[in-house]
Each structure stands twice: as C-alpha cells, then as structure tokens.
Amino acid sequence: MRHQKKTLKLGLTAAHRKSLLANQVCSLIEHQRIKTTLAKAKAVRPLAEKMVTLGKKGSLHARRTALAVLRQKGAVKKLFEDIAPRSAARNGGYTRIVKLGARKSDSAPVAFIEWVDAPQVVEEAVPEEKGKKRKGAKSETTTEAKPERKSKKSEAAESEEESK
C-alpha cells in the first residue's frame, strides 16, 4: 500500500525530478503561465505554492531556502518582490491548473499552470496571410497596381450598355 507516499515520480530519478520541478517553477515565476503536461503541472503545484509561502515570510532564511531549491537568483528575487506581495492576502491556492485537452503528437493531456493573482495579459493574435509566399513572388505593390481583368462577357455587357 502507498500510504503517505504522495510524491509524483513522473518516471524520473530523484535528482532529475528535483531539477525538472525547480526549472518548471522558475519558468512559472518568469513567464506567469506555462504550458506543460497535466502530470507535471500537478507535480509543480505543491512546490510553487511552498515557494510563495516562503516569499510571504520574506526573511533572509526563507530567501536562502528558496534559493537552495530553485537555484536561480533572478527567479527568487522576482518571487519575493513581485509574486509573494500579490498573494499576501490569500491563504494558499496560489496556482491554477487549466486543462487544455490532448496534445496532438502523443495524446498526452496538456494543461496551463498559472498564478491565480497574475495580471491578466491579453494575447493579441497575429494575423496570418492566407497564401504562402514563394521565392519569386511579386511584391504587394505590383499586384495592387494592376487593374482587374474583366471577362469577355462582362466587357460585352458594358459595351452594349454604353452604346444604348
């Protein structure tokens, strides 16, 4: 029986898992939201929440403990100066996991993990052009400068209207 064994192993050795989770938390701190598999998101959540709790304490000891786990000074600084003060009024539940469905390549369940108190970032969709450009394609100015060609039927209909 697996009583009191809640560590999600993710099929990794202990050292690899520790590095992976620390890097995931650092990415979450830096980018505010990361896209990962659902299993990894569920494994990252407890560590991320412990780091925010350390950030809320704000002591030198808490900072050194966070640095020992995350091993990135910039991430620890942002955690203590930006993320922890935002979550000061909240008692736990600092992260949110949003399920996105299955990944196309291997059907692995994918999810976003993000901070609950993160400022809302509006992602602007970049309009994509419909046709792919070829190597020898003409520029847009030359295509716009050409007048539209009319079919013979429409030319004949216009000439009849003009003659009347």
N, C-alpha and C. Protein backbone atom coordinates (compact mmCIF):
# COMPACT_ATOMS: atom_id res chain seq x y z
N MET A 1 0.84 -1.19 0.00
CA MET A 1 0.00 0.00 0.00
C MET A 1 0.88 1.25 0.00
N ARG A 2 0.40 2.29 -0.69
CA ARG A 2 1.21 3.51 -0.84
C ARG A 2 0.75 4.60 0.12
N HIS A 3 0.51 4.29 1.34
CA HIS A 3 0.10 5.28 2.31
C HIS A 3 1.23 6.27 2.57
N GLN A 4 0.91 7.55 2.64
CA GLN A 4 1.86 8.62 2.96
C GLN A 4 2.96 8.77 1.90
N LYS A 5 2.69 8.33 0.67
CA LYS A 5 3.67 8.44 -0.41
C LYS A 5 3.05 9.23 -1.55
N LYS A 6 3.00 10.53 -1.39
CA LYS A 6 2.27 11.36 -2.35
C LYS A 6 3.14 11.95 -3.45
N THR A 7 4.45 11.67 -3.44
CA THR A 7 5.34 12.22 -4.46
C THR A 7 5.00 11.65 -5.83
N LEU A 8 4.78 12.55 -6.79
CA LEU A 8 4.56 12.12 -8.17
C LEU A 8 5.92 11.88 -8.80
N LYS A 9 6.21 10.64 -9.18
CA LYS A 9 7.56 10.29 -9.61
C LYS A 9 7.85 10.68 -11.06
N LEU A 10 6.84 10.72 -11.92
CA LEU A 10 6.98 11.13 -13.31
C LEU A 10 7.96 10.27 -14.11
N GLY A 11 8.29 9.09 -13.62
CA GLY A 11 9.20 8.21 -14.33
C GLY A 11 10.63 8.73 -14.38
N LEU A 12 11.03 9.53 -13.40
CA LEU A 12 12.36 10.14 -13.38
C LEU A 12 13.09 9.74 -12.11
N THR A 13 14.42 9.84 -12.16
CA THR A 13 15.19 9.65 -10.94
C THR A 13 14.95 10.85 -10.03
N ALA A 14 15.33 10.70 -8.77
CA ALA A 14 15.06 11.77 -7.80
C ALA A 14 15.77 13.06 -8.18
N ALA A 15 17.02 12.97 -8.61
CA ALA A 15 17.79 14.17 -8.96
C ALA A 15 17.22 14.86 -10.20
N HIS A 16 16.83 14.06 -11.19
CA HIS A 16 16.24 14.61 -12.42
C HIS A 16 14.90 15.27 -12.13
N ARG A 17 14.10 14.62 -11.28
CA ARG A 17 12.79 15.16 -10.92
C ARG A 17 12.94 16.47 -10.15
N LYS A 18 13.91 16.54 -9.25
CA LYS A 18 14.15 17.75 -8.46
C LYS A 18 14.54 18.91 -9.37
N SER A 19 15.42 18.64 -10.34
CA SER A 19 15.85 19.68 -11.29
C SER A 19 14.69 20.12 -12.18
N LEU A 20 13.92 19.15 -12.68
CA LEU A 20 12.80 19.46 -13.55
C LEU A 20 11.78 20.35 -12.84
N LEU A 21 11.42 19.99 -11.63
CA LEU A 21 10.42 20.76 -10.90
C LEU A 21 10.93 22.16 -10.55
N ALA A 22 12.21 22.26 -10.17
CA ALA A 22 12.78 23.57 -9.87
C ALA A 22 12.77 24.44 -11.12
N ASN A 23 13.13 23.88 -12.27
CA ASN A 23 13.13 24.65 -13.52
C ASN A 23 11.71 25.04 -13.94
N GLN A 24 10.76 24.16 -13.72
CA GLN A 24 9.37 24.48 -14.05
C GLN A 24 8.86 25.64 -13.19
N VAL A 25 9.19 25.62 -11.90
CA VAL A 25 8.76 26.70 -11.01
C VAL A 25 9.44 28.02 -11.42
N CYS A 26 10.72 27.96 -11.79
CA CYS A 26 11.41 29.17 -12.24
C CYS A 26 10.77 29.72 -13.52
N SER A 27 10.39 28.83 -14.43
CA SER A 27 9.70 29.27 -15.65
C SER A 27 8.34 29.87 -15.33
N LEU A 28 7.65 29.28 -14.37
CA LEU A 28 6.35 29.81 -13.95
C LEU A 28 6.50 31.21 -13.34
N ILE A 29 7.55 31.40 -12.55
CA ILE A 29 7.80 32.71 -11.95
C ILE A 29 8.13 33.73 -13.03
N GLU A 30 8.94 33.32 -14.00
CA GLU A 30 9.37 34.25 -15.05
C GLU A 30 8.25 34.60 -16.02
N HIS A 31 7.49 33.60 -16.46
CA HIS A 31 6.50 33.81 -17.52
C HIS A 31 5.06 33.94 -17.02
N GLN A 32 4.81 33.71 -15.74
CA GLN A 32 3.49 33.81 -15.12
C GLN A 32 2.55 32.68 -15.50
N ARG A 33 2.84 31.98 -16.59
CA ARG A 33 1.98 30.88 -17.04
C ARG A 33 2.83 29.97 -17.91
N ILE A 34 2.74 28.65 -17.68
CA ILE A 34 3.48 27.73 -18.54
C ILE A 34 2.55 26.62 -19.01
N LYS A 35 2.86 26.10 -20.17
CA LYS A 35 2.10 25.01 -20.75
C LYS A 35 2.92 23.74 -20.60
N THR A 36 2.35 22.74 -19.95
CA THR A 36 3.07 21.50 -19.69
C THR A 36 2.05 20.36 -19.62
N THR A 37 2.55 19.15 -19.41
CA THR A 37 1.62 18.03 -19.28
C THR A 37 0.88 18.14 -17.95
N LEU A 38 -0.25 17.52 -17.89
CA LEU A 38 -1.08 17.61 -16.70
C LEU A 38 -0.37 17.00 -15.49
N ALA A 39 0.33 15.88 -15.69
CA ALA A 39 1.04 15.24 -14.58
C ALA A 39 2.13 16.15 -14.03
N LYS A 40 2.87 16.81 -14.92
CA LYS A 40 3.92 17.72 -14.46
C LYS A 40 3.33 18.94 -13.77
N ALA A 41 2.22 19.45 -14.29
CA ALA A 41 1.56 20.60 -13.66
C ALA A 41 1.12 20.25 -12.24
N LYS A 42 0.59 19.05 -12.06
CA LYS A 42 0.15 18.62 -10.73
C LYS A 42 1.34 18.41 -9.80
N ALA A 43 2.50 18.05 -10.36
CA ALA A 43 3.70 17.87 -9.54
C ALA A 43 4.34 19.22 -9.20
N VAL A 44 4.21 20.20 -10.09
CA VAL A 44 4.81 21.52 -9.89
C VAL A 44 4.02 22.33 -8.86
N ARG A 45 2.72 22.14 -8.82
CA ARG A 45 1.86 22.97 -7.97
C ARG A 45 2.29 23.01 -6.50
N PRO A 46 2.54 21.87 -5.81
CA PRO A 46 2.93 21.96 -4.40
C PRO A 46 4.24 22.72 -4.19
N LEU A 47 5.22 22.51 -5.06
CA LEU A 47 6.49 23.20 -4.91
C LEU A 47 6.33 24.71 -5.14
N ALA A 48 5.55 25.08 -6.14
CA ALA A 48 5.32 26.50 -6.42
C ALA A 48 4.62 27.17 -5.23
N GLU A 49 3.66 26.49 -4.65
CA GLU A 49 2.94 27.08 -3.53
C GLU A 49 3.83 27.19 -2.29
N LYS A 50 4.73 26.23 -2.09
CA LYS A 50 5.68 26.33 -0.98
C LYS A 50 6.63 27.50 -1.17
N MET A 51 7.02 27.76 -2.41
CA MET A 51 7.92 28.88 -2.69
C MET A 51 7.21 30.22 -2.42
N VAL A 52 5.93 30.31 -2.75
CA VAL A 52 5.18 31.54 -2.47
C VAL A 52 5.04 31.74 -0.96
N THR A 53 4.84 30.65 -0.23
CA THR A 53 4.75 30.74 1.22
C THR A 53 6.07 31.26 1.80
N LEU A 54 7.19 30.78 1.26
CA LEU A 54 8.50 31.30 1.69
C LEU A 54 8.62 32.78 1.34
N GLY A 55 8.13 33.15 0.16
CA GLY A 55 8.19 34.55 -0.26
C GLY A 55 7.37 35.45 0.65
N LYS A 56 6.24 34.94 1.14
CA LYS A 56 5.40 35.73 2.04
C LYS A 56 6.08 35.94 3.39
N LYS A 57 6.89 34.98 3.82
CA LYS A 57 7.63 35.16 5.07
C LYS A 57 8.65 36.28 4.91
N GLY A 58 9.35 36.30 3.80
CA GLY A 58 10.24 37.41 3.47
C GLY A 58 11.53 37.49 4.27
N SER A 59 11.83 36.53 5.12
CA SER A 59 13.05 36.59 5.92
C SER A 59 14.25 36.15 5.10
N LEU A 60 15.42 36.43 5.62
CA LEU A 60 16.65 36.02 4.95
C LEU A 60 16.74 34.50 4.87
N HIS A 61 16.31 33.84 5.94
CA HIS A 61 16.32 32.38 5.95
C HIS A 61 15.40 31.82 4.86
N ALA A 62 14.21 32.41 4.72
CA ALA A 62 13.26 31.96 3.70
C ALA A 62 13.83 32.19 2.31
N ARG A 63 14.50 33.33 2.11
CA ARG A 63 15.11 33.63 0.81
C ARG A 63 16.20 32.61 0.47
N ARG A 64 17.02 32.27 1.46
CA ARG A 64 18.10 31.29 1.22
C ARG A 64 17.54 29.90 0.98
N THR A 65 16.45 29.55 1.66
CA THR A 65 15.80 28.26 1.45
C THR A 65 15.25 28.17 0.02
N ALA A 66 14.62 29.24 -0.42
CA ALA A 66 14.08 29.28 -1.79
C ALA A 66 15.21 29.20 -2.81
N LEU A 67 16.32 29.88 -2.54
CA LEU A 67 17.46 29.85 -3.45
C LEU A 67 18.08 28.46 -3.50
N ALA A 68 18.08 27.74 -2.37
CA ALA A 68 18.60 26.38 -2.34
C ALA A 68 17.76 25.44 -3.20
N VAL A 69 16.45 25.69 -3.26
CA VAL A 69 15.57 24.83 -4.05
C VAL A 69 15.59 25.23 -5.53
N LEU A 70 15.43 26.53 -5.82
CA LEU A 70 15.27 26.99 -7.20
C LEU A 70 16.60 27.19 -7.93
N ARG A 71 17.64 27.60 -7.21
CA ARG A 71 18.98 27.78 -7.78
C ARG A 71 19.06 28.84 -8.88
N GLN A 72 18.17 29.83 -8.86
CA GLN A 72 18.22 30.95 -9.81
C GLN A 72 17.92 32.24 -9.06
N LYS A 73 18.93 33.09 -8.94
CA LYS A 73 18.77 34.31 -8.15
C LYS A 73 17.68 35.23 -8.69
N GLY A 74 17.61 35.36 -10.02
CA GLY A 74 16.60 36.24 -10.62
C GLY A 74 15.19 35.78 -10.31
N ALA A 75 14.97 34.46 -10.36
CA ALA A 75 13.63 33.93 -10.07
C ALA A 75 13.27 34.15 -8.61
N VAL A 76 14.23 33.97 -7.70
CA VAL A 76 13.96 34.18 -6.27
C VAL A 76 13.65 35.65 -6.00
N LYS A 77 14.40 36.53 -6.66
CA LYS A 77 14.17 37.96 -6.48
C LYS A 77 12.76 38.34 -6.94
N LYS A 78 12.36 37.86 -8.12
CA LYS A 78 11.02 38.17 -8.63
C LYS A 78 9.93 37.56 -7.74
N LEU A 79 10.20 36.36 -7.23
CA LEU A 79 9.26 35.70 -6.33
C LEU A 79 9.02 36.54 -5.07
N PHE A 80 10.10 37.01 -4.47
CA PHE A 80 9.97 37.75 -3.20
C PHE A 80 9.47 39.17 -3.40
N GLU A 81 9.80 39.80 -4.54
CA GLU A 81 9.43 41.21 -4.74
C GLU A 81 8.12 41.41 -5.49
N ASP A 82 7.71 40.44 -6.29
CA ASP A 82 6.54 40.63 -7.16
C ASP A 82 5.40 39.66 -6.81
N ILE A 83 5.68 38.38 -6.83
CA ILE A 83 4.62 37.38 -6.73
C ILE A 83 4.10 37.23 -5.29
N ALA A 84 5.00 37.13 -4.31
CA ALA A 84 4.57 36.95 -2.92
C ALA A 84 3.74 38.13 -2.40
N PRO A 85 4.12 39.40 -2.65
CA PRO A 85 3.26 40.50 -2.18
C PRO A 85 1.87 40.50 -2.80
N ARG A 86 1.75 40.04 -4.06
CA ARG A 86 0.43 39.96 -4.69
C ARG A 86 -0.46 38.97 -3.97
N SER A 87 0.16 37.92 -3.42
CA SER A 87 -0.61 36.85 -2.77
C SER A 87 -0.66 37.00 -1.27
N ALA A 88 -0.33 38.16 -0.74
CA ALA A 88 -0.23 38.35 0.71
C ALA A 88 -1.56 38.09 1.43
N ALA A 89 -2.66 38.46 0.82
CA ALA A 89 -3.96 38.30 1.47
C ALA A 89 -4.55 36.90 1.30
N ARG A 90 -3.96 36.10 0.46
CA ARG A 90 -4.50 34.77 0.14
C ARG A 90 -3.84 33.71 1.02
N ASN A 91 -4.62 32.81 1.56
CA ASN A 91 -4.10 31.71 2.38
C ASN A 91 -4.06 30.43 1.56
N GLY A 92 -3.05 30.28 0.75
CA GLY A 92 -2.92 29.07 -0.07
C GLY A 92 -3.70 29.20 -1.36
N GLY A 93 -3.54 28.22 -2.23
CA GLY A 93 -4.25 28.22 -3.51
C GLY A 93 -3.73 29.31 -4.43
N TYR A 94 -2.42 29.41 -4.56
CA TYR A 94 -1.81 30.48 -5.36
C TYR A 94 -1.77 30.16 -6.84
N THR A 95 -1.93 28.89 -7.20
CA THR A 95 -1.82 28.49 -8.61
C THR A 95 -3.13 27.90 -9.09
N ARG A 96 -3.28 27.91 -10.39
CA ARG A 96 -4.47 27.37 -11.06
C ARG A 96 -4.00 26.48 -12.19
N ILE A 97 -4.62 25.32 -12.35
CA ILE A 97 -4.32 24.43 -13.47
C ILE A 97 -5.53 24.43 -14.40
N VAL A 98 -5.29 24.79 -15.67
CA VAL A 98 -6.34 24.84 -16.67
C VAL A 98 -6.06 23.74 -17.69
N LYS A 99 -6.95 22.77 -17.79
CA LYS A 99 -6.75 21.66 -18.72
C LYS A 99 -7.02 22.12 -20.14
N LEU A 100 -6.16 21.70 -21.06
CA LEU A 100 -6.27 22.12 -22.46
C LEU A 100 -6.65 21.00 -23.40
N GLY A 101 -6.71 19.77 -22.93
CA GLY A 101 -7.03 18.66 -23.81
C GLY A 101 -5.78 17.86 -24.12
N ALA A 102 -5.85 17.05 -25.16
CA ALA A 102 -4.75 16.15 -25.50
C ALA A 102 -3.81 16.80 -26.52
N ARG A 103 -2.52 16.54 -26.35
CA ARG A 103 -1.52 17.01 -27.30
C ARG A 103 -1.66 16.18 -28.58
N LYS A 104 -1.46 16.81 -29.71
CA LYS A 104 -1.72 16.15 -30.99
C LYS A 104 -0.74 15.01 -31.24
N SER A 105 0.53 15.21 -30.92
CA SER A 105 1.55 14.22 -31.29
C SER A 105 1.42 12.90 -30.53
N ASP A 106 1.24 12.97 -29.21
CA ASP A 106 1.22 11.73 -28.43
C ASP A 106 -0.02 11.59 -27.55
N SER A 107 -0.98 12.46 -27.72
CA SER A 107 -2.25 12.43 -26.97
C SER A 107 -2.06 12.56 -25.47
N ALA A 108 -0.96 13.16 -25.04
CA ALA A 108 -0.75 13.39 -23.61
C ALA A 108 -1.64 14.55 -23.17
N PRO A 109 -2.29 14.44 -22.01
CA PRO A 109 -3.11 15.56 -21.53
C PRO A 109 -2.22 16.77 -21.20
N VAL A 110 -2.58 17.94 -21.73
CA VAL A 110 -1.79 19.15 -21.57
C VAL A 110 -2.59 20.16 -20.76
N ALA A 111 -1.87 21.00 -20.00
CA ALA A 111 -2.55 21.99 -19.16
C ALA A 111 -1.67 23.22 -19.00
N PHE A 112 -2.32 24.35 -18.71
CA PHE A 112 -1.63 25.56 -18.29
C PHE A 112 -1.56 25.52 -16.77
N ILE A 113 -0.44 25.95 -16.21
CA ILE A 113 -0.39 26.24 -14.79
C ILE A 113 -0.03 27.71 -14.69
N GLU A 114 -0.81 28.45 -13.90
CA GLU A 114 -0.63 29.90 -13.83
C GLU A 114 -0.92 30.38 -12.42
N TRP A 115 -0.47 31.60 -12.14
CA TRP A 115 -0.75 32.23 -10.84
C TRP A 115 -2.19 32.74 -10.84
N VAL A 116 -2.88 32.54 -9.75
CA VAL A 116 -4.26 33.00 -9.62
C VAL A 116 -4.31 34.52 -9.62
N ASP A 117 -3.34 35.16 -8.95
CA ASP A 117 -3.34 36.62 -8.83
C ASP A 117 -2.56 37.30 -9.94
N ALA A 118 -2.24 36.59 -11.01
CA ALA A 118 -1.44 37.18 -12.09
C ALA A 118 -2.25 38.26 -12.80
N PRO A 119 -1.59 39.33 -13.23
CA PRO A 119 -2.30 40.34 -14.01
C PRO A 119 -2.73 39.72 -15.34
N GLN A 120 -3.93 40.07 -15.77
CA GLN A 120 -4.47 39.50 -16.99
C GLN A 120 -3.70 40.03 -18.20
N VAL A 121 -3.14 39.14 -18.98
CA VAL A 121 -2.40 39.51 -20.18
C VAL A 121 -3.26 39.15 -21.38
N VAL A 122 -3.56 40.14 -22.20
CA VAL A 122 -4.36 39.89 -23.39
C VAL A 122 -3.41 39.52 -24.51
N GLU A 123 -3.57 38.30 -25.00
CA GLU A 123 -2.70 37.85 -26.09
C GLU A 123 -3.32 38.27 -27.41
N GLU A 124 -2.56 39.04 -28.17
CA GLU A 124 -3.06 39.51 -29.45
C GLU A 124 -2.69 38.49 -30.53
N ALA A 125 -3.68 38.07 -31.28
CA ALA A 125 -3.43 37.12 -32.35
C ALA A 125 -2.81 37.85 -33.53
N VAL A 126 -1.72 37.31 -34.01
CA VAL A 126 -1.05 37.91 -35.16
C VAL A 126 -1.77 37.42 -36.41
N PRO A 127 -2.28 38.35 -37.24
CA PRO A 127 -2.98 37.90 -38.44
C PRO A 127 -2.00 37.24 -39.41
N GLU A 128 -2.37 36.03 -39.82
CA GLU A 128 -1.52 35.29 -40.75
C GLU A 128 -2.05 35.50 -42.16
N GLU A 129 -1.13 35.56 -43.11
CA GLU A 129 -1.53 35.70 -44.50
C GLU A 129 -2.04 34.37 -45.00
N LYS A 130 -3.01 34.42 -45.89
CA LYS A 130 -3.65 33.20 -46.33
C LYS A 130 -2.73 32.36 -47.22
N GLY A 131 -2.09 32.98 -48.18
CA GLY A 131 -1.24 32.23 -49.10
C GLY A 131 0.20 32.26 -48.65
N LYS A 132 0.89 31.16 -48.95
CA LYS A 132 2.32 31.13 -48.64
C LYS A 132 3.07 31.88 -49.72
N LYS A 133 4.09 32.59 -49.33
CA LYS A 133 4.88 33.33 -50.30
C LYS A 133 5.89 32.40 -50.94
N ARG A 134 6.05 32.54 -52.21
CA ARG A 134 7.05 31.76 -52.93
C ARG A 134 8.30 32.60 -53.09
N LYS A 135 9.38 31.94 -53.50
CA LYS A 135 10.65 32.65 -53.63
C LYS A 135 10.55 33.80 -54.62
N GLY A 136 9.98 33.56 -55.76
CA GLY A 136 9.92 34.58 -56.80
C GLY A 136 8.62 35.35 -56.82
N ALA A 137 7.94 35.41 -55.72
CA ALA A 137 6.65 36.10 -55.67
C ALA A 137 6.84 37.60 -55.82
N LYS A 138 5.87 38.22 -56.50
CA LYS A 138 5.92 39.66 -56.70
C LYS A 138 5.53 40.37 -55.42
N SER A 139 5.97 41.58 -55.27
CA SER A 139 5.63 42.33 -54.06
C SER A 139 4.18 42.78 -54.13
N GLU A 140 3.64 43.20 -53.00
CA GLU A 140 2.23 43.59 -52.92
C GLU A 140 1.93 44.84 -53.74
N THR A 141 2.90 45.73 -53.87
CA THR A 141 2.63 46.97 -54.60
C THR A 141 2.41 46.70 -56.08
N THR A 142 3.11 45.74 -56.63
CA THR A 142 2.92 45.46 -58.05
C THR A 142 1.58 44.78 -58.30
N THR A 143 1.12 43.96 -57.37
CA THR A 143 -0.17 43.30 -57.57
C THR A 143 -1.32 44.28 -57.41
N GLU A 144 -1.15 45.28 -56.55
CA GLU A 144 -2.22 46.25 -56.35
C GLU A 144 -2.29 47.24 -57.52
N ALA A 145 -1.17 47.49 -58.17
CA ALA A 145 -1.14 48.47 -59.24
C ALA A 145 -1.83 47.96 -60.51
N LYS A 146 -1.90 46.65 -60.69
CA LYS A 146 -2.54 46.10 -61.88
C LYS A 146 -4.05 46.29 -61.82
N PRO A 147 -4.66 46.72 -62.93
CA PRO A 147 -6.12 46.78 -62.94
C PRO A 147 -6.69 45.37 -63.07
N GLU A 148 -7.90 45.23 -62.58
CA GLU A 148 -8.53 43.91 -62.65
C GLU A 148 -8.93 43.60 -64.08
N ARG A 149 -8.71 42.36 -64.48
CA ARG A 149 -9.11 41.93 -65.81
C ARG A 149 -10.57 41.52 -65.77
N LYS A 150 -11.28 41.91 -66.76
CA LYS A 150 -12.70 41.59 -66.82
C LYS A 150 -12.88 40.46 -67.83
N SER A 151 -13.88 39.66 -67.59
CA SER A 151 -14.17 38.57 -68.51
C SER A 151 -14.79 39.14 -69.78
N LYS A 152 -14.76 38.36 -70.84
CA LYS A 152 -15.30 38.82 -72.13
C LYS A 152 -16.79 39.09 -72.03
N LYS A 153 -17.51 38.30 -71.25
CA LYS A 153 -18.96 38.51 -71.12
C LYS A 153 -19.26 39.85 -70.46
N SER A 154 -18.51 40.18 -69.38
CA SER A 154 -18.78 41.45 -68.70
C SER A 154 -18.37 42.62 -69.58
N GLU A 155 -17.31 42.47 -70.41
CA GLU A 155 -16.90 43.54 -71.32
C GLU A 155 -17.97 43.77 -72.39
N ALA A 156 -18.53 42.65 -72.89
CA ALA A 156 -19.57 42.76 -73.91
C ALA A 156 -20.82 43.42 -73.33
N ALA A 157 -21.18 43.09 -72.10
CA ALA A 157 -22.35 43.68 -71.47
C ALA A 157 -22.16 45.18 -71.24
N GLU A 158 -20.94 45.59 -70.88
CA GLU A 158 -20.67 47.01 -70.66
C GLU A 158 -20.69 47.79 -71.97
N SER A 159 -20.15 47.17 -73.03
CA SER A 159 -20.15 47.87 -74.32
C SER A 159 -21.57 48.05 -74.86
N GLU A 160 -22.45 47.07 -74.59
CA GLU A 160 -23.85 47.18 -75.02
C GLU A 160 -24.54 48.29 -74.26
N GLU A 161 -24.26 48.42 -72.95
CA GLU A 161 -24.89 49.46 -72.15
C GLU A 161 -24.43 50.83 -72.60
N GLU A 162 -23.16 50.96 -72.97
CA GLU A 162 -22.62 52.25 -73.41
C GLU A 162 -23.20 52.67 -74.75
N SER A 163 -23.44 51.68 -75.62
CA SER A 163 -23.96 52.00 -76.97
C SER A 163 -25.42 52.44 -76.92
N LYS A 164 -26.14 52.05 -75.91
CA LYS A 164 -27.58 52.39 -75.81
C LYS A 164 -27.75 53.76 -75.40
